[in-house]
Structures are given as structure tokens and as C-alpha cells.
Amino acid sequence: MPSTQDQKPSVVKKQTDDGWNIVTYNLDGVSVQDQFFISEADADAYLQEQQALVEGRNT
């Protein structure tokens, strides 16, 4: 059985037919936030912000 210490929140960028989704997952791998962007640049900026938050929670 995996230890909960091995699990951590994550953020992923997914391309859709009409834009980009940034999806944030909790420790159990459950999607807790799904943000849509038409612009890839906006999606990338939001992704960086969310990754910083996730990394900050795990340090």
C-alpha cells in the first residue's frame, strides 16, 4: 500500500478542442479545480501560479 507521504497534489495542462484546461488534483488524485483558458499563454501563466502553490504546500 502506498504511503500518503508519496502522494502529493498536482497540476496538469490539458489541450481541448477549443482551448486549454488547467486541472488541479488533490492528494488522492481527485480533480478539485478545473480552469478553462482560450489562450495558451494565459493557461501557462495560471499553470505556473498553481504549480508554485502546490510546491509551497509540500516544502
Protein backbone atom coordinates (compact mmCIF):
# COMPACT_ATOMS: atom_id res chain seq x y z
CA MET A 1 0.00 0.00 0.00
CA PRO A 2 1.50 3.41 -0.99
CA SER A 3 2.31 5.81 1.79
CA THR A 4 0.42 9.10 1.86
CA GLN A 5 3.83 10.77 2.00
CA ASP A 6 4.44 9.51 -1.55
CA GLN A 7 1.30 11.27 -2.78
CA LYS A 8 1.09 14.98 -3.42
CA PRO A 9 -1.22 17.46 -5.14
CA SER A 10 -0.55 18.00 -8.81
CA VAL A 11 -1.44 20.39 -11.60
CA VAL A 12 -1.69 19.46 -15.28
CA LYS A 13 -2.38 21.30 -18.54
CA LYS A 14 -4.69 19.58 -20.99
CA GLN A 15 -5.45 20.72 -24.52
CA THR A 16 -9.10 20.70 -25.57
CA ASP A 17 -10.74 21.29 -28.95
CA ASP A 18 -11.27 24.97 -28.15
CA GLY A 19 -8.57 25.88 -25.64
CA TRP A 20 -6.73 24.65 -22.56
CA ASN A 21 -7.74 23.29 -19.16
CA ILE A 22 -5.58 23.55 -16.06
CA VAL A 23 -6.65 20.81 -13.67
CA THR A 24 -5.57 20.65 -10.03
CA TYR A 25 -5.68 17.30 -8.25
CA ASN A 26 -5.65 16.67 -4.50
CA LEU A 27 -3.58 14.08 -2.59
CA ASP A 28 -5.93 11.29 -3.63
CA GLY A 29 -5.73 12.18 -7.34
CA VAL A 30 -9.23 13.66 -7.36
CA SER A 31 -9.79 16.74 -9.51
CA VAL A 32 -10.54 19.68 -7.22
CA GLN A 33 -10.29 22.54 -9.69
CA ASP A 34 -10.65 22.78 -13.46
CA GLN A 35 -9.96 26.17 -15.07
CA PHE A 36 -10.50 26.79 -18.80
CA PHE A 37 -8.46 29.18 -20.95
CA ILE A 38 -8.75 30.05 -24.63
CA SER A 39 -5.20 31.44 -24.72
CA GLU A 40 -2.31 29.03 -24.19
CA ALA A 41 -0.22 31.89 -22.76
CA ASP A 42 -2.88 32.57 -20.12
CA ALA A 43 -3.08 28.85 -19.36
CA ASP A 44 0.69 28.65 -18.96
CA ALA A 45 0.74 31.64 -16.60
CA TYR A 46 -2.02 30.13 -14.45
CA LEU A 47 -0.26 26.74 -14.52
CA GLN A 48 2.93 28.31 -13.15
CA GLU A 49 0.97 30.01 -10.34
CA GLN A 50 -0.75 26.76 -9.39
CA GLN A 51 2.49 24.76 -9.51
CA ALA A 52 4.09 27.26 -7.14
CA LEU A 53 1.19 26.82 -4.72
CA VAL A 54 1.41 23.02 -4.89
CA GLU A 55 5.16 23.07 -4.35
CA GLY A 56 4.78 25.52 -1.47
CA ARG A 57 2.40 23.15 0.34
CA ASN A 58 4.92 20.32 0.12
CA THR A 59 8.07 22.01 1.36
